[in-house]
Amino acid sequence: MLVLSSPSGAGKTTLARRLLAADDGIRMSVSVTTRKPRPGEVDGVDYIFVDKREFERLKSRRKLLEWAEVFGQLYATPRAEVLDALQAGNDVLFDVDWQGARQLKKRLPRDVVRVFILPPDGKALERRLRARNQDSEATVAHRMARAAAEIEHWPEYDYVVVNADIEESLAEIRSILAAERLRRERQSGLETFVARMLEGL
């Protein structure tokens, strides 16, 4: 379970999309949210869009692995899809905030690898938020105010990537993923492989 978190505008979503396009061995966890779709977003692909009543129903029936409120909207990870993917031996990518990352780590501590994406500086963050042309001035100001509070959680993460250049940042995240896949405890069948090799010596 590879978790990417960042303040809004640091490039987390772009990096997630690029990683998915570059690596066939990982798939995206599609979050449930109560917010309205942005232009171009597809229900079931970008997010699963629900109302607050449905969200609370999923939560009460223990269908959600983690949940959090961000900018007044609710976000969550569907439980069954993630657990099924892990049992099938697949890696799962998460685009969640620090609240979600903390809950995932608490629920599945051995399976979670957390990466925090930082912008190169505050001006770059504000420039990226304005370049979206999707948020009002008030929303941009609110997101900038929240960025400092979100960045304060960086020490909770296993890795930190400063996203000054998208290609370099993508290469760093792919290196993290490659290294974590090679961890002894994540290589299924390794004990059997070594036992057979020793029999042949």
N, C-alpha and C. Protein backbone atom coordinates (compact mmCIF):
# COMPACT_ATOMS: atom_id res chain seq x y z
N MET A 1 0.86 -1.17 0.00
CA MET A 1 0.00 0.00 0.00
C MET A 1 0.90 1.23 0.00
N LEU A 2 1.00 1.89 -1.15
CA LEU A 2 1.86 3.06 -1.28
C LEU A 2 1.00 4.31 -1.13
N VAL A 3 1.24 5.07 -0.07
CA VAL A 3 0.45 6.26 0.24
C VAL A 3 1.21 7.51 -0.18
N LEU A 4 0.57 8.34 -1.00
CA LEU A 4 1.13 9.66 -1.34
C LEU A 4 0.26 10.72 -0.68
N SER A 5 0.89 11.62 0.06
CA SER A 5 0.18 12.72 0.69
C SER A 5 0.94 14.01 0.41
N SER A 6 0.21 15.13 0.44
CA SER A 6 0.84 16.43 0.24
C SER A 6 -0.19 17.51 0.52
N PRO A 7 0.28 18.76 0.70
CA PRO A 7 -0.70 19.85 0.70
C PRO A 7 -1.24 20.02 -0.72
N SER A 8 -2.42 20.59 -0.85
CA SER A 8 -3.03 20.83 -2.16
C SER A 8 -2.09 21.65 -3.04
N GLY A 9 -1.87 21.17 -4.27
CA GLY A 9 -1.04 21.92 -5.21
C GLY A 9 0.41 21.50 -5.25
N ALA A 10 0.81 20.51 -4.44
CA ALA A 10 2.22 20.09 -4.42
C ALA A 10 2.54 19.09 -5.53
N GLY A 11 1.51 18.60 -6.25
CA GLY A 11 1.75 17.72 -7.38
C GLY A 11 1.47 16.25 -7.13
N LYS A 12 0.84 15.95 -6.00
CA LYS A 12 0.56 14.56 -5.63
C LYS A 12 -0.27 13.82 -6.67
N THR A 13 -1.35 14.45 -7.15
CA THR A 13 -2.25 13.79 -8.10
C THR A 13 -1.54 13.55 -9.44
N THR A 14 -0.78 14.52 -9.90
CA THR A 14 -0.03 14.37 -11.15
C THR A 14 0.98 13.23 -11.02
N LEU A 15 1.68 13.17 -9.90
CA LEU A 15 2.66 12.11 -9.69
C LEU A 15 1.98 10.74 -9.62
N ALA A 16 0.83 10.69 -8.97
CA ALA A 16 0.09 9.42 -8.88
C ALA A 16 -0.29 8.93 -10.27
N ARG A 17 -0.82 9.82 -11.11
CA ARG A 17 -1.21 9.44 -12.47
C ARG A 17 -0.01 8.98 -13.29
N ARG A 18 1.09 9.68 -13.15
CA ARG A 18 2.30 9.31 -13.91
C ARG A 18 2.83 7.95 -13.44
N LEU A 19 2.78 7.69 -12.13
CA LEU A 19 3.25 6.41 -11.61
C LEU A 19 2.38 5.27 -12.12
N LEU A 20 1.08 5.46 -12.13
CA LEU A 20 0.17 4.43 -12.63
C LEU A 20 0.42 4.12 -14.10
N ALA A 21 0.72 5.17 -14.88
CA ALA A 21 0.98 4.98 -16.31
C ALA A 21 2.32 4.28 -16.55
N ALA A 22 3.25 4.44 -15.62
CA ALA A 22 4.60 3.90 -15.81
C ALA A 22 4.79 2.50 -15.22
N ASP A 23 3.87 2.06 -14.35
CA ASP A 23 4.07 0.80 -13.63
C ASP A 23 2.80 -0.04 -13.68
N ASP A 24 2.87 -1.18 -14.37
CA ASP A 24 1.70 -2.06 -14.50
C ASP A 24 1.39 -2.83 -13.22
N GLY A 25 2.32 -2.84 -12.27
CA GLY A 25 2.14 -3.63 -11.06
C GLY A 25 1.43 -2.94 -9.93
N ILE A 26 0.92 -1.74 -10.18
CA ILE A 26 0.24 -1.00 -9.12
C ILE A 26 -1.07 -0.45 -9.65
N ARG A 27 -2.08 -0.44 -8.80
CA ARG A 27 -3.36 0.14 -9.22
C ARG A 27 -3.84 1.13 -8.18
N MET A 28 -4.71 2.02 -8.62
CA MET A 28 -5.18 3.12 -7.76
C MET A 28 -6.33 2.68 -6.88
N SER A 29 -6.28 3.09 -5.64
CA SER A 29 -7.43 2.95 -4.77
C SER A 29 -8.36 4.13 -5.06
N VAL A 30 -9.56 3.84 -5.51
CA VAL A 30 -10.52 4.92 -5.84
C VAL A 30 -11.28 5.30 -4.58
N SER A 31 -11.11 6.54 -4.15
CA SER A 31 -11.73 7.00 -2.91
C SER A 31 -13.20 7.34 -3.09
N VAL A 32 -13.93 7.19 -2.00
CA VAL A 32 -15.32 7.65 -1.92
C VAL A 32 -15.28 9.10 -1.42
N THR A 33 -16.09 9.97 -1.99
CA THR A 33 -16.13 11.36 -1.51
C THR A 33 -17.52 11.96 -1.62
N THR A 34 -17.78 12.93 -0.74
CA THR A 34 -19.06 13.66 -0.79
C THR A 34 -18.96 14.95 -1.59
N ARG A 35 -17.75 15.28 -2.07
CA ARG A 35 -17.63 16.52 -2.84
C ARG A 35 -18.16 16.33 -4.26
N LYS A 36 -18.49 17.43 -4.90
CA LYS A 36 -19.00 17.39 -6.27
C LYS A 36 -17.85 17.12 -7.25
N PRO A 37 -18.13 16.45 -8.37
CA PRO A 37 -17.07 16.21 -9.37
C PRO A 37 -16.53 17.51 -9.96
N ARG A 38 -15.23 17.54 -10.20
CA ARG A 38 -14.62 18.67 -10.92
C ARG A 38 -14.75 18.38 -12.41
N PRO A 39 -14.59 19.40 -13.26
CA PRO A 39 -14.68 19.18 -14.71
C PRO A 39 -13.72 18.08 -15.16
N GLY A 40 -14.25 17.11 -15.91
CA GLY A 40 -13.44 16.03 -16.45
C GLY A 40 -13.35 14.81 -15.56
N GLU A 41 -13.78 14.91 -14.31
CA GLU A 41 -13.72 13.75 -13.41
C GLU A 41 -14.86 12.78 -13.71
N VAL A 42 -14.54 11.48 -13.63
CA VAL A 42 -15.51 10.43 -13.95
C VAL A 42 -15.82 9.63 -12.69
N ASP A 43 -17.12 9.46 -12.41
CA ASP A 43 -17.54 8.68 -11.25
C ASP A 43 -17.08 7.24 -11.39
N GLY A 44 -16.45 6.71 -10.33
CA GLY A 44 -15.95 5.35 -10.35
C GLY A 44 -14.53 5.22 -10.88
N VAL A 45 -14.02 6.27 -11.50
CA VAL A 45 -12.66 6.27 -12.03
C VAL A 45 -11.78 7.19 -11.19
N ASP A 46 -12.17 8.46 -11.10
CA ASP A 46 -11.41 9.43 -10.30
C ASP A 46 -11.80 9.32 -8.82
N TYR A 47 -13.10 9.29 -8.58
CA TYR A 47 -13.66 9.11 -7.24
C TYR A 47 -14.98 8.38 -7.37
N ILE A 48 -15.46 7.87 -6.25
CA ILE A 48 -16.83 7.37 -6.17
C ILE A 48 -17.60 8.47 -5.45
N PHE A 49 -18.46 9.16 -6.18
CA PHE A 49 -19.17 10.32 -5.63
C PHE A 49 -20.48 9.88 -4.97
N VAL A 50 -20.62 10.21 -3.69
CA VAL A 50 -21.82 9.85 -2.93
C VAL A 50 -22.29 11.07 -2.12
N ASP A 51 -23.52 11.00 -1.62
CA ASP A 51 -23.98 12.06 -0.72
C ASP A 51 -23.61 11.67 0.72
N LYS A 52 -23.81 12.60 1.66
CA LYS A 52 -23.40 12.37 3.04
C LYS A 52 -24.15 11.20 3.68
N ARG A 53 -25.41 11.02 3.31
CA ARG A 53 -26.19 9.92 3.87
C ARG A 53 -25.59 8.57 3.47
N GLU A 54 -25.24 8.43 2.20
CA GLU A 54 -24.64 7.18 1.72
C GLU A 54 -23.27 6.96 2.37
N PHE A 55 -22.51 8.04 2.52
CA PHE A 55 -21.19 7.96 3.15
C PHE A 55 -21.33 7.41 4.57
N GLU A 56 -22.26 7.95 5.33
CA GLU A 56 -22.47 7.51 6.71
C GLU A 56 -22.96 6.05 6.76
N ARG A 57 -23.74 5.64 5.76
CA ARG A 57 -24.20 4.26 5.70
C ARG A 57 -23.01 3.32 5.49
N LEU A 58 -22.11 3.67 4.56
CA LEU A 58 -20.91 2.86 4.32
C LEU A 58 -20.03 2.78 5.56
N LYS A 59 -19.91 3.91 6.23
CA LYS A 59 -19.09 3.98 7.45
C LYS A 59 -19.68 3.10 8.56
N SER A 60 -20.98 3.19 8.77
CA SER A 60 -21.62 2.43 9.85
C SER A 60 -21.59 0.93 9.59
N ARG A 61 -21.53 0.54 8.32
CA ARG A 61 -21.48 -0.89 7.97
C ARG A 61 -20.06 -1.41 7.83
N ARG A 62 -19.09 -0.60 8.26
CA ARG A 62 -17.67 -0.99 8.25
C ARG A 62 -17.17 -1.33 6.85
N LYS A 63 -17.67 -0.58 5.87
CA LYS A 63 -17.26 -0.78 4.48
C LYS A 63 -16.05 0.10 4.11
N LEU A 64 -15.62 0.95 5.05
CA LEU A 64 -14.54 1.90 4.78
C LEU A 64 -13.31 1.56 5.61
N LEU A 65 -12.15 1.59 4.97
CA LEU A 65 -10.89 1.29 5.63
C LEU A 65 -10.39 2.49 6.43
N GLU A 66 -10.61 3.68 5.91
CA GLU A 66 -10.25 4.93 6.58
C GLU A 66 -11.15 6.02 6.05
N TRP A 67 -11.27 7.12 6.81
CA TRP A 67 -12.07 8.25 6.36
C TRP A 67 -11.56 9.53 7.03
N ALA A 68 -11.84 10.64 6.38
CA ALA A 68 -11.40 11.94 6.92
C ALA A 68 -12.26 13.04 6.31
N GLU A 69 -12.30 14.16 7.01
CA GLU A 69 -12.97 15.36 6.49
C GLU A 69 -11.89 16.34 6.05
N VAL A 70 -11.97 16.78 4.80
CA VAL A 70 -10.99 17.71 4.23
C VAL A 70 -11.74 18.84 3.54
N PHE A 71 -11.47 20.07 3.94
CA PHE A 71 -12.14 21.24 3.36
C PHE A 71 -13.67 21.09 3.37
N GLY A 72 -14.19 20.52 4.44
CA GLY A 72 -15.64 20.40 4.59
C GLY A 72 -16.28 19.24 3.84
N GLN A 73 -15.47 18.44 3.15
CA GLN A 73 -16.00 17.28 2.42
C GLN A 73 -15.42 16.00 3.02
N LEU A 74 -16.16 14.91 2.88
CA LEU A 74 -15.74 13.62 3.43
C LEU A 74 -15.06 12.77 2.34
N TYR A 75 -13.99 12.09 2.73
CA TYR A 75 -13.25 11.21 1.83
C TYR A 75 -12.99 9.89 2.56
N ALA A 76 -12.96 8.78 1.82
CA ALA A 76 -12.72 7.48 2.45
C ALA A 76 -12.19 6.48 1.44
N THR A 77 -11.62 5.39 1.98
CA THR A 77 -11.13 4.27 1.16
C THR A 77 -12.04 3.07 1.34
N PRO A 78 -12.62 2.54 0.26
CA PRO A 78 -13.45 1.33 0.36
C PRO A 78 -12.60 0.14 0.83
N ARG A 79 -13.07 -0.57 1.82
CA ARG A 79 -12.31 -1.67 2.44
C ARG A 79 -12.12 -2.88 1.52
N ALA A 80 -13.21 -3.41 0.96
CA ALA A 80 -13.17 -4.69 0.24
C ALA A 80 -12.22 -4.66 -0.95
N GLU A 81 -12.27 -3.59 -1.73
CA GLU A 81 -11.44 -3.52 -2.94
C GLU A 81 -9.95 -3.57 -2.61
N VAL A 82 -9.56 -2.86 -1.55
CA VAL A 82 -8.14 -2.81 -1.17
C VAL A 82 -7.68 -4.17 -0.65
N LEU A 83 -8.44 -4.75 0.25
CA LEU A 83 -8.05 -6.04 0.83
C LEU A 83 -8.00 -7.13 -0.23
N ASP A 84 -8.93 -7.11 -1.19
CA ASP A 84 -8.92 -8.08 -2.28
C ASP A 84 -7.66 -7.94 -3.13
N ALA A 85 -7.28 -6.69 -3.43
CA ALA A 85 -6.08 -6.44 -4.24
C ALA A 85 -4.83 -6.92 -3.52
N LEU A 86 -4.74 -6.65 -2.22
CA LEU A 86 -3.57 -7.08 -1.45
C LEU A 86 -3.47 -8.60 -1.39
N GLN A 87 -4.60 -9.26 -1.18
CA GLN A 87 -4.60 -10.72 -1.11
C GLN A 87 -4.21 -11.35 -2.45
N ALA A 88 -4.49 -10.64 -3.54
CA ALA A 88 -4.12 -11.13 -4.87
C ALA A 88 -2.67 -10.82 -5.20
N GLY A 89 -1.95 -10.16 -4.27
CA GLY A 89 -0.54 -9.87 -4.48
C GLY A 89 -0.27 -8.59 -5.25
N ASN A 90 -1.27 -7.71 -5.35
CA ASN A 90 -1.10 -6.45 -6.07
C ASN A 90 -0.69 -5.33 -5.13
N ASP A 91 -0.01 -4.32 -5.67
CA ASP A 91 0.27 -3.09 -4.93
C ASP A 91 -0.86 -2.11 -5.18
N VAL A 92 -1.17 -1.30 -4.17
CA VAL A 92 -2.27 -0.34 -4.28
C VAL A 92 -1.74 1.05 -3.94
N LEU A 93 -2.07 2.02 -4.79
CA LEU A 93 -1.64 3.41 -4.60
C LEU A 93 -2.77 4.22 -3.98
N PHE A 94 -2.43 5.03 -2.98
CA PHE A 94 -3.41 5.87 -2.27
C PHE A 94 -3.03 7.34 -2.39
N ASP A 95 -4.00 8.15 -2.76
CA ASP A 95 -3.85 9.60 -2.80
C ASP A 95 -4.72 10.13 -1.65
N VAL A 96 -4.13 10.17 -0.43
CA VAL A 96 -4.88 10.56 0.76
C VAL A 96 -4.08 11.58 1.57
N ASP A 97 -4.77 12.28 2.49
CA ASP A 97 -4.09 13.24 3.34
C ASP A 97 -3.51 12.54 4.57
N TRP A 98 -2.90 13.30 5.47
CA TRP A 98 -2.23 12.73 6.64
C TRP A 98 -3.19 11.96 7.54
N GLN A 99 -4.46 12.41 7.58
CA GLN A 99 -5.43 11.70 8.42
C GLN A 99 -5.65 10.28 7.90
N GLY A 100 -5.83 10.17 6.57
CA GLY A 100 -6.02 8.86 5.96
C GLY A 100 -4.78 8.00 6.09
N ALA A 101 -3.61 8.61 5.89
CA ALA A 101 -2.35 7.87 6.00
C ALA A 101 -2.18 7.31 7.41
N ARG A 102 -2.52 8.10 8.40
CA ARG A 102 -2.39 7.67 9.79
C ARG A 102 -3.32 6.49 10.09
N GLN A 103 -4.55 6.56 9.60
CA GLN A 103 -5.50 5.47 9.83
C GLN A 103 -5.09 4.19 9.11
N LEU A 104 -4.61 4.32 7.87
CA LEU A 104 -4.16 3.14 7.13
C LEU A 104 -2.99 2.47 7.84
N LYS A 105 -2.05 3.27 8.33
CA LYS A 105 -0.89 2.73 9.04
C LYS A 105 -1.33 2.01 10.31
N LYS A 106 -2.34 2.57 10.99
CA LYS A 106 -2.83 1.95 12.22
C LYS A 106 -3.52 0.62 11.94
N ARG A 107 -4.28 0.55 10.83
CA ARG A 107 -5.04 -0.65 10.53
C ARG A 107 -4.20 -1.76 9.88
N LEU A 108 -3.26 -1.37 9.02
CA LEU A 108 -2.43 -2.37 8.32
C LEU A 108 -0.96 -1.94 8.37
N PRO A 109 -0.35 -1.93 9.56
CA PRO A 109 0.99 -1.34 9.73
C PRO A 109 2.09 -1.98 8.88
N ARG A 110 2.01 -3.28 8.62
CA ARG A 110 3.08 -3.94 7.87
C ARG A 110 2.98 -3.71 6.37
N ASP A 111 1.81 -3.31 5.91
CA ASP A 111 1.58 -3.18 4.47
C ASP A 111 1.73 -1.75 3.93
N VAL A 112 1.81 -0.76 4.82
CA VAL A 112 1.75 0.64 4.39
C VAL A 112 3.13 1.27 4.28
N VAL A 113 3.38 1.94 3.14
CA VAL A 113 4.58 2.75 2.93
C VAL A 113 4.09 4.17 2.61
N ARG A 114 4.53 5.15 3.41
CA ARG A 114 4.01 6.51 3.28
C ARG A 114 5.07 7.46 2.70
N VAL A 115 4.65 8.22 1.68
CA VAL A 115 5.53 9.20 1.03
C VAL A 115 4.86 10.57 1.10
N PHE A 116 5.56 11.55 1.65
CA PHE A 116 5.02 12.92 1.71
C PHE A 116 5.67 13.75 0.60
N ILE A 117 4.82 14.41 -0.19
CA ILE A 117 5.30 15.25 -1.30
C ILE A 117 5.30 16.71 -0.86
N LEU A 118 6.45 17.34 -0.92
CA LEU A 118 6.57 18.76 -0.57
C LEU A 118 6.77 19.60 -1.83
N PRO A 119 6.23 20.82 -1.85
CA PRO A 119 6.56 21.74 -2.95
C PRO A 119 7.95 22.31 -2.70
N PRO A 120 8.60 22.85 -3.75
CA PRO A 120 9.94 23.43 -3.54
C PRO A 120 9.92 24.66 -2.65
N ASP A 121 8.79 25.40 -2.67
CA ASP A 121 8.62 26.57 -1.79
C ASP A 121 7.16 27.00 -1.82
N GLY A 122 6.82 27.98 -0.97
CA GLY A 122 5.45 28.44 -0.85
C GLY A 122 4.92 29.11 -2.11
N LYS A 123 5.80 29.84 -2.81
CA LYS A 123 5.36 30.53 -4.03
C LYS A 123 4.98 29.53 -5.12
N ALA A 124 5.74 28.45 -5.22
CA ALA A 124 5.43 27.41 -6.21
C ALA A 124 4.08 26.77 -5.90
N LEU A 125 3.81 26.57 -4.61
CA LEU A 125 2.54 25.97 -4.19
C LEU A 125 1.37 26.87 -4.60
N GLU A 126 1.49 28.15 -4.31
CA GLU A 126 0.41 29.09 -4.66
C GLU A 126 0.24 29.18 -6.17
N ARG A 127 1.35 29.20 -6.91
CA ARG A 127 1.30 29.26 -8.37
C ARG A 127 0.58 28.04 -8.96
N ARG A 128 0.86 26.87 -8.42
CA ARG A 128 0.21 25.65 -8.90
C ARG A 128 -1.29 25.66 -8.60
N LEU A 129 -1.66 26.14 -7.42
CA LEU A 129 -3.08 26.20 -7.07
C LEU A 129 -3.83 27.15 -8.01
N ARG A 130 -3.22 28.28 -8.34
CA ARG A 130 -3.87 29.24 -9.23
C ARG A 130 -3.92 28.74 -10.67
N ALA A 131 -2.94 27.92 -11.06
CA ALA A 131 -2.88 27.42 -12.43
C ALA A 131 -4.02 26.45 -12.73
N ARG A 132 -4.62 25.87 -11.71
CA ARG A 132 -5.75 24.96 -11.92
C ARG A 132 -6.96 25.66 -12.53
N ASN A 133 -7.14 26.94 -12.16
CA ASN A 133 -8.30 27.72 -12.60
C ASN A 133 -9.63 27.06 -12.24
N GLN A 134 -9.64 26.31 -11.13
CA GLN A 134 -10.85 25.62 -10.71
C GLN A 134 -11.38 26.15 -9.38
N ASP A 135 -10.54 26.91 -8.68
CA ASP A 135 -10.91 27.37 -7.34
C ASP A 135 -11.02 28.89 -7.29
N SER A 136 -11.92 29.36 -6.45
CA SER A 136 -12.08 30.80 -6.24
C SER A 136 -10.89 31.34 -5.45
N GLU A 137 -10.76 32.67 -5.41
CA GLU A 137 -9.68 33.29 -4.64
C GLU A 137 -9.77 32.89 -3.17
N ALA A 138 -10.99 32.84 -2.66
CA ALA A 138 -11.19 32.46 -1.26
C ALA A 138 -10.73 31.03 -1.00
N THR A 139 -11.02 30.13 -1.95
CA THR A 139 -10.62 28.74 -1.80
C THR A 139 -9.10 28.60 -1.86
N VAL A 140 -8.46 29.33 -2.79
CA VAL A 140 -6.99 29.30 -2.88
C VAL A 140 -6.37 29.80 -1.58
N ALA A 141 -6.92 30.89 -1.04
CA ALA A 141 -6.40 31.44 0.22
C ALA A 141 -6.57 30.45 1.36
N HIS A 142 -7.71 29.78 1.37
CA HIS A 142 -7.98 28.78 2.42
C HIS A 142 -7.02 27.60 2.31
N ARG A 143 -6.77 27.13 1.07
CA ARG A 143 -5.86 26.01 0.86
C ARG A 143 -4.42 26.39 1.25
N MET A 144 -4.03 27.61 0.97
CA MET A 144 -2.69 28.06 1.35
C MET A 144 -2.57 28.12 2.87
N ALA A 145 -3.62 28.56 3.54
CA ALA A 145 -3.60 28.63 5.00
C ALA A 145 -3.51 27.23 5.61
N ARG A 146 -4.18 26.27 4.97
CA ARG A 146 -4.17 24.89 5.47
C ARG A 146 -2.86 24.17 5.17
N ALA A 147 -2.13 24.64 4.14
CA ALA A 147 -0.91 23.94 3.70
C ALA A 147 0.10 23.80 4.83
N ALA A 148 0.29 24.86 5.61
CA ALA A 148 1.27 24.81 6.70
C ALA A 148 0.89 23.75 7.73
N ALA A 149 -0.39 23.66 8.06
CA ALA A 149 -0.85 22.66 9.03
C ALA A 149 -0.65 21.24 8.49
N GLU A 150 -0.86 21.06 7.19
CA GLU A 150 -0.66 19.74 6.59
C GLU A 150 0.81 19.36 6.54
N ILE A 151 1.65 20.33 6.18
CA ILE A 151 3.09 20.08 6.07
C ILE A 151 3.70 19.69 7.42
N GLU A 152 3.11 20.16 8.51
CA GLU A 152 3.62 19.82 9.84
C GLU A 152 3.62 18.31 10.11
N HIS A 153 2.87 17.55 9.34
CA HIS A 153 2.79 16.10 9.56
C HIS A 153 3.86 15.30 8.81
N TRP A 154 4.77 15.98 8.11
CA TRP A 154 5.76 15.26 7.31
C TRP A 154 6.60 14.26 8.12
N PRO A 155 6.89 14.52 9.42
CA PRO A 155 7.72 13.53 10.14
C PRO A 155 7.04 12.17 10.35
N GLU A 156 5.73 12.08 10.14
CA GLU A 156 5.03 10.80 10.29
C GLU A 156 5.27 9.85 9.11
N TYR A 157 5.90 10.35 8.05
CA TYR A 157 6.04 9.58 6.81
C TYR A 157 7.38 8.86 6.73
N ASP A 158 7.39 7.79 5.95
CA ASP A 158 8.61 7.00 5.77
C ASP A 158 9.60 7.67 4.83
N TYR A 159 9.07 8.39 3.83
CA TYR A 159 9.90 9.06 2.83
C TYR A 159 9.34 10.46 2.56
N VAL A 160 10.22 11.36 2.15
CA VAL A 160 9.81 12.72 1.75
C VAL A 160 10.44 13.03 0.40
N VAL A 161 9.60 13.50 -0.54
CA VAL A 161 10.07 13.88 -1.88
C VAL A 161 9.74 15.36 -2.08
N VAL A 162 10.75 16.16 -2.42
CA VAL A 162 10.53 17.57 -2.74
C VAL A 162 10.29 17.66 -4.24
N ASN A 163 9.08 18.05 -4.61
CA ASN A 163 8.67 18.03 -6.02
C ASN A 163 9.01 19.35 -6.72
N ALA A 164 10.31 19.53 -7.00
CA ALA A 164 10.75 20.69 -7.77
C ALA A 164 10.69 20.39 -9.26
N ASP A 165 10.88 19.12 -9.61
CA ASP A 165 10.86 18.68 -11.00
C ASP A 165 10.07 17.38 -11.07
N ILE A 166 9.03 17.35 -11.89
CA ILE A 166 8.11 16.21 -11.92
C ILE A 166 8.81 14.91 -12.32
N GLU A 167 9.75 14.97 -13.28
CA GLU A 167 10.45 13.76 -13.73
C GLU A 167 11.35 13.20 -12.63
N GLU A 168 12.07 14.08 -11.94
CA GLU A 168 12.95 13.63 -10.86
C GLU A 168 12.12 13.06 -9.71
N SER A 169 11.03 13.71 -9.40
CA SER A 169 10.17 13.24 -8.30
C SER A 169 9.56 11.89 -8.63
N LEU A 170 9.13 11.71 -9.88
CA LEU A 170 8.58 10.43 -10.30
C LEU A 170 9.64 9.32 -10.20
N ALA A 171 10.86 9.63 -10.62
CA ALA A 171 11.96 8.65 -10.54
C ALA A 171 12.22 8.27 -9.08
N GLU A 172 12.16 9.24 -8.17
CA GLU A 172 12.39 8.97 -6.76
C GLU A 172 11.29 8.06 -6.19
N ILE A 173 10.03 8.34 -6.55
CA ILE A 173 8.92 7.52 -6.06
C ILE A 173 9.02 6.10 -6.63
N ARG A 174 9.40 5.98 -7.89
CA ARG A 174 9.57 4.64 -8.48
C ARG A 174 10.71 3.89 -7.79
N SER A 175 11.75 4.59 -7.37
CA SER A 175 12.85 3.96 -6.63
C SER A 175 12.37 3.46 -5.27
N ILE A 176 11.55 4.26 -4.61
CA ILE A 176 10.98 3.86 -3.32
C ILE A 176 10.15 2.59 -3.49
N LEU A 177 9.30 2.60 -4.51
CA LEU A 177 8.43 1.45 -4.77
C LEU A 177 9.26 0.19 -5.06
N ALA A 178 10.30 0.34 -5.88
CA ALA A 178 11.16 -0.81 -6.22
C ALA A 178 11.84 -1.36 -4.97
N ALA A 179 12.36 -0.48 -4.13
CA ALA A 179 13.05 -0.92 -2.92
C ALA A 179 12.10 -1.62 -1.95
N GLU A 180 10.90 -1.06 -1.81
CA GLU A 180 9.93 -1.65 -0.87
C GLU A 180 9.44 -3.02 -1.36
N ARG A 181 9.35 -3.19 -2.67
CA ARG A 181 8.96 -4.49 -3.21
C ARG A 181 10.03 -5.55 -2.94
N LEU A 182 11.28 -5.14 -2.80
CA LEU A 182 12.38 -6.08 -2.58
C LEU A 182 12.60 -6.42 -1.11
N ARG A 183 11.85 -5.77 -0.23
CA ARG A 183 11.98 -6.11 1.20
C ARG A 183 11.69 -7.60 1.39
N ARG A 184 12.50 -8.23 2.20
CA ARG A 184 12.41 -9.68 2.40
C ARG A 184 11.00 -10.14 2.71
N GLU A 185 10.33 -9.45 3.64
CA GLU A 185 9.00 -9.90 4.07
C GLU A 185 7.92 -9.71 3.01
N ARG A 186 8.22 -8.93 1.96
CA ARG A 186 7.22 -8.71 0.91
C ARG A 186 7.39 -9.65 -0.27
N GLN A 187 8.44 -10.43 -0.30
CA GLN A 187 8.68 -11.33 -1.43
C GLN A 187 8.05 -12.68 -1.13
N SER A 188 6.86 -12.89 -1.67
CA SER A 188 6.15 -14.15 -1.41
C SER A 188 6.89 -15.32 -2.08
N GLY A 189 6.92 -16.44 -1.37
CA GLY A 189 7.57 -17.63 -1.90
C GLY A 189 9.07 -17.66 -1.75
N LEU A 190 9.63 -16.65 -1.08
CA LEU A 190 11.09 -16.57 -0.96
C LEU A 190 11.66 -17.72 -0.13
N GLU A 191 10.97 -18.08 0.97
CA GLU A 191 11.46 -19.17 1.82
C GLU A 191 11.54 -20.48 1.04
N THR A 192 10.50 -20.76 0.25
CA THR A 192 10.48 -21.98 -0.55
C THR A 192 11.60 -21.97 -1.59
N PHE A 193 11.78 -20.79 -2.23
CA PHE A 193 12.81 -20.65 -3.25
C PHE A 193 14.20 -20.94 -2.66
N VAL A 194 14.48 -20.35 -1.50
CA VAL A 194 15.81 -20.52 -0.88
C VAL A 194 16.00 -21.97 -0.43
N ALA A 195 14.92 -22.58 0.13
CA ALA A 195 15.01 -23.98 0.58
C ALA A 195 15.34 -24.90 -0.58
N ARG A 196 14.68 -24.67 -1.72
CA ARG A 196 14.97 -25.50 -2.90
C ARG A 196 16.36 -25.28 -3.43
N MET A 197 16.81 -24.05 -3.39
CA MET A 197 18.15 -23.74 -3.86
C MET A 197 19.19 -24.45 -2.98
N LEU A 198 18.95 -24.45 -1.67
CA LEU A 198 19.89 -25.09 -0.75
C LEU A 198 19.92 -26.60 -0.93
N GLU A 199 18.77 -27.16 -1.29
CA GLU A 199 18.70 -28.62 -1.54
C GLU A 199 19.59 -29.02 -2.72
N GLY A 200 19.72 -28.10 -3.65
CA GLY A 200 20.50 -28.40 -4.85
C GLY A 200 21.97 -28.15 -4.70
N LEU A 201 22.40 -27.61 -3.57
CA LEU A 201 23.83 -27.33 -3.38
C LEU A 201 24.59 -28.57 -2.92
